[in-house]
Amino acid sequence: MQEQKPNQESVVEPEQQPAAALEQQAAVEQVEVPAGTSPDVMPSLEESLRQAELKAEEHHDAWLRAKAETENVRRRAQDDIAKAAKFAAEKFAGAMLPVKDSLEAALGTDNQTVEKLREGVELTLKQLVSAFEGANLTEENPVGQKFDPNKHQAIGALESEAEPNTVITVLQKGYLLNERVVRPALVMVAKAKAQ
């Protein structure tokens, strides 16, 4: 037989351990086991199903809440869009009211002289131009520019010394709202003289 070294403990297989040693080891480990079950038994299928159903119910509830929140956000966004469309011209309308007031005051005054009437119309025109600027409504007066079919509408062509397809006469000014055509300018364009 071999000698055992004093520092090493001898390893004894559990089958070879006496019953008292097994009891002592169990007492030291102090493993708590729920009543009615043994440590090696898995939870019952019913318990697993109940826990899975609880989790499924929680997830379903969370999904319903998220869906409702998404629907509320969508509805609020639609309301905001509808209000923006409905009241988009509110600022411009507010700027136009003084223009209307000035015109009514000019018409309501008796014994107007031509000079006073002209002064009133010029002041009213300044108010109107100011309102247009505030709304980013710009004038398109393309005399001397190349004809642009995106901004101009040609009524006819006249023989001219100017370069062909150049705007030589503006019959009606055009207007752009934030660089988008509201009304194209009505123009006459130059064409080359016949030889």
Protein backbone atom coordinates (compact mmCIF):
# COMPACT_ATOMS: atom_id res chain seq x y z
CA MET A 1 0.00 0.00 0.00
CA GLN A 2 0.93 3.57 -0.60
CA GLU A 3 1.51 6.02 2.13
CA GLN A 4 -0.73 9.01 2.52
CA LYS A 5 0.84 12.37 2.86
CA PRO A 6 -0.18 14.17 6.05
CA ASN A 7 -1.31 17.43 4.25
CA GLN A 8 -3.72 15.77 1.82
CA GLU A 9 -7.19 14.67 2.84
CA SER A 10 -8.34 11.35 1.67
CA VAL A 11 -11.19 11.45 -0.81
CA VAL A 12 -13.95 9.04 -0.08
CA GLU A 13 -16.69 8.32 -2.58
CA PRO A 14 -20.22 9.18 -1.34
CA GLU A 15 -21.22 5.50 -1.40
CA GLN A 16 -18.38 4.75 0.92
CA GLN A 17 -19.26 7.56 3.41
CA PRO A 18 -21.07 6.48 6.54
CA ALA A 19 -24.68 7.70 7.11
CA ALA A 20 -23.68 10.04 9.92
CA ALA A 21 -21.22 11.83 7.59
CA LEU A 22 -23.96 12.28 5.00
CA GLU A 23 -26.30 13.80 7.59
CA GLN A 24 -23.56 16.16 8.75
CA GLN A 25 -22.83 17.26 5.17
CA ALA A 26 -26.54 17.96 4.52
CA ALA A 27 -26.76 19.98 7.71
CA VAL A 28 -23.75 22.09 6.67
CA GLU A 29 -25.11 22.79 3.18
CA GLN A 30 -28.52 23.89 4.57
CA VAL A 31 -30.33 23.73 1.22
CA GLU A 32 -33.89 24.99 1.45
CA VAL A 33 -36.38 22.94 -0.44
CA PRO A 34 -39.98 24.17 -0.89
CA ALA A 35 -42.51 22.11 1.04
CA GLY A 36 -43.92 19.20 -0.86
CA THR A 37 -41.06 19.01 -3.38
CA SER A 38 -37.71 17.44 -3.52
CA PRO A 39 -34.63 19.25 -4.81
CA ASP A 40 -34.40 17.10 -7.93
CA VAL A 41 -38.00 17.63 -9.07
CA MET A 42 -38.71 20.27 -11.76
CA PRO A 43 -41.69 22.64 -11.41
CA SER A 44 -44.93 21.10 -12.56
CA LEU A 45 -46.25 21.72 -16.04
CA GLU A 46 -49.25 23.55 -14.60
CA GLU A 47 -46.98 25.96 -12.73
CA SER A 48 -44.86 26.57 -15.84
CA LEU A 49 -47.99 27.20 -17.90
CA ARG A 50 -49.37 29.61 -15.28
CA GLN A 51 -46.11 31.59 -15.25
CA ALA A 52 -45.98 31.68 -19.06
CA GLU A 53 -49.59 32.91 -19.19
CA LEU A 54 -48.79 35.67 -16.67
CA LYS A 55 -45.82 36.80 -18.76
CA ALA A 56 -47.92 36.67 -21.93
CA GLU A 57 -50.60 38.78 -20.23
CA GLU A 58 -47.98 41.34 -19.14
CA HIS A 59 -46.57 41.56 -22.66
CA HIS A 60 -50.04 41.87 -24.16
CA ASP A 61 -50.89 44.68 -21.74
CA ALA A 62 -47.64 46.49 -22.59
CA TRP A 63 -48.38 46.06 -26.30
CA LEU A 64 -51.88 47.49 -25.90
CA ARG A 65 -50.51 50.51 -24.03
CA ALA A 66 -47.87 51.13 -26.71
CA LYS A 67 -50.49 50.81 -29.44
CA ALA A 68 -52.77 53.31 -27.68
CA GLU A 69 -49.90 55.75 -27.22
CA THR A 70 -48.97 55.47 -30.91
CA GLU A 71 -52.58 56.11 -31.89
CA ASN A 72 -52.69 59.19 -29.61
CA VAL A 73 -49.49 60.57 -31.17
CA ARG A 74 -50.88 60.00 -34.67
CA ARG A 75 -54.18 61.70 -33.79
CA ARG A 76 -52.38 64.70 -32.24
CA ALA A 77 -50.19 65.03 -35.34
CA GLN A 78 -53.27 64.99 -37.60
CA ASP A 79 -54.92 67.67 -35.44
CA ASP A 80 -51.76 69.82 -35.65
CA ILE A 81 -51.68 69.46 -39.44
CA ALA A 82 -55.37 70.35 -39.72
CA LYS A 83 -54.89 73.43 -37.50
CA ALA A 84 -51.81 74.50 -39.48
CA ALA A 85 -53.73 74.25 -42.75
CA LYS A 86 -56.77 76.03 -41.32
CA PHE A 87 -54.83 78.94 -39.83
CA ALA A 88 -51.90 79.11 -42.28
CA ALA A 89 -53.01 82.49 -43.65
CA GLU A 90 -53.65 84.02 -40.21
CA LYS A 91 -50.44 86.09 -40.20
CA PHE A 92 -51.02 87.28 -43.76
CA ALA A 93 -54.65 88.10 -43.00
CA GLY A 94 -53.56 90.17 -40.02
CA ALA A 95 -51.16 92.12 -42.26
CA MET A 96 -53.91 92.73 -44.84
CA LEU A 97 -56.39 94.27 -42.39
CA PRO A 98 -54.60 97.66 -42.19
CA VAL A 99 -54.55 97.78 -46.00
CA LYS A 100 -58.32 97.30 -46.10
CA ASP A 101 -58.79 99.88 -43.35
CA SER A 102 -56.74 102.42 -45.33
CA LEU A 103 -58.74 101.84 -48.50
CA GLU A 104 -62.05 102.19 -46.64
CA ALA A 105 -60.83 105.41 -44.97
CA ALA A 106 -59.86 106.84 -48.38
CA LEU A 107 -63.27 106.04 -49.83
CA GLY A 108 -65.10 107.34 -46.76
CA THR A 109 -63.53 110.79 -46.84
CA ASP A 110 -65.54 113.53 -48.59
CA ASN A 111 -64.00 116.41 -50.53
CA GLN A 112 -60.75 114.59 -51.36
CA THR A 113 -58.24 116.28 -53.57
CA VAL A 114 -56.40 114.25 -56.16
CA GLU A 115 -53.11 114.83 -54.37
CA LYS A 116 -54.45 113.62 -51.02
CA LEU A 117 -56.03 110.60 -52.67
CA ARG A 118 -52.72 109.79 -54.40
CA GLU A 119 -50.80 110.08 -51.11
CA GLY A 120 -53.28 107.76 -49.42
CA VAL A 121 -53.00 105.20 -52.24
CA GLU A 122 -49.18 105.32 -52.08
CA LEU A 123 -49.23 104.74 -48.31
CA THR A 124 -51.69 101.88 -48.78
CA LEU A 125 -49.43 100.36 -51.45
CA LYS A 126 -46.50 100.53 -49.01
CA GLN A 127 -48.59 98.67 -46.43
CA LEU A 128 -49.44 96.04 -49.04
CA VAL A 129 -45.81 95.61 -50.10
CA SER A 130 -44.84 95.25 -46.43
CA ALA A 131 -47.52 92.57 -45.95
CA PHE A 132 -46.22 90.71 -49.02
CA GLU A 133 -42.65 90.82 -47.70
CA GLY A 134 -43.79 89.51 -44.32
CA ALA A 135 -45.43 86.55 -46.05
CA ASN A 136 -42.37 85.90 -48.31
CA LEU A 137 -44.45 86.79 -51.36
CA THR A 138 -42.03 88.29 -53.89
CA GLU A 139 -42.63 90.06 -57.16
CA GLU A 140 -41.38 88.61 -60.45
CA ASN A 141 -40.70 91.42 -62.93
CA PRO A 142 -38.37 89.78 -65.49
CA VAL A 143 -37.69 92.62 -67.98
CA GLY A 144 -34.33 91.95 -69.65
CA GLN A 145 -34.05 88.41 -68.27
CA LYS A 146 -34.00 85.16 -70.23
CA PHE A 147 -37.46 83.67 -70.65
CA ASP A 148 -38.05 80.97 -67.99
CA PRO A 149 -41.11 78.81 -68.71
CA ASN A 150 -41.21 77.82 -65.03
CA LYS A 151 -41.79 81.44 -63.94
CA HIS A 152 -43.06 83.22 -67.04
CA GLN A 153 -45.92 82.80 -69.48
CA ALA A 154 -45.15 84.10 -72.97
CA ILE A 155 -48.08 85.79 -74.69
CA GLY A 156 -46.22 86.50 -77.88
CA ALA A 157 -42.89 87.22 -79.54
CA LEU A 158 -41.76 90.49 -81.12
CA GLU A 159 -38.86 91.19 -83.42
CA SER A 160 -36.25 93.04 -81.42
CA GLU A 161 -32.61 94.01 -81.23
CA ALA A 162 -32.48 92.11 -77.92
CA GLU A 163 -31.18 88.57 -77.76
CA PRO A 164 -33.85 86.01 -78.78
CA ASN A 165 -35.94 84.55 -75.92
CA THR A 166 -35.28 87.60 -73.73
CA VAL A 167 -38.24 89.20 -71.95
CA ILE A 168 -38.81 92.64 -73.50
CA THR A 169 -42.22 93.55 -72.04
CA VAL A 170 -44.04 92.50 -68.88
CA LEU A 171 -47.82 92.70 -69.27
CA GLN A 172 -48.54 91.44 -65.75
CA LYS A 173 -46.05 90.84 -62.94
CA GLY A 174 -45.70 87.38 -61.52
CA TYR A 175 -45.49 86.42 -57.86
CA LEU A 176 -43.53 83.77 -55.98
CA LEU A 177 -44.33 82.47 -52.52
CA ASN A 178 -41.13 81.14 -50.92
CA GLU A 179 -39.67 80.69 -54.43
CA ARG A 180 -42.76 78.76 -55.60
CA VAL A 181 -44.76 80.30 -58.46
CA VAL A 182 -48.14 81.64 -57.33
CA ARG A 183 -48.78 83.45 -60.59
CA PRO A 184 -46.45 83.44 -63.63
CA ALA A 185 -45.48 86.75 -65.19
CA LEU A 186 -47.26 87.44 -68.51
CA VAL A 187 -44.51 88.53 -70.92
CA MET A 188 -43.58 89.29 -74.50
CA VAL A 189 -40.27 87.82 -75.65
CA ALA A 190 -37.80 88.92 -78.29
CA LYS A 191 -37.28 87.06 -81.51
CA ALA A 192 -34.64 87.58 -84.14
CA LYS A 193 -35.42 90.07 -86.92
CA ALA A 194 -36.30 88.55 -90.26
CA GLN A 195 -33.47 88.73 -92.78
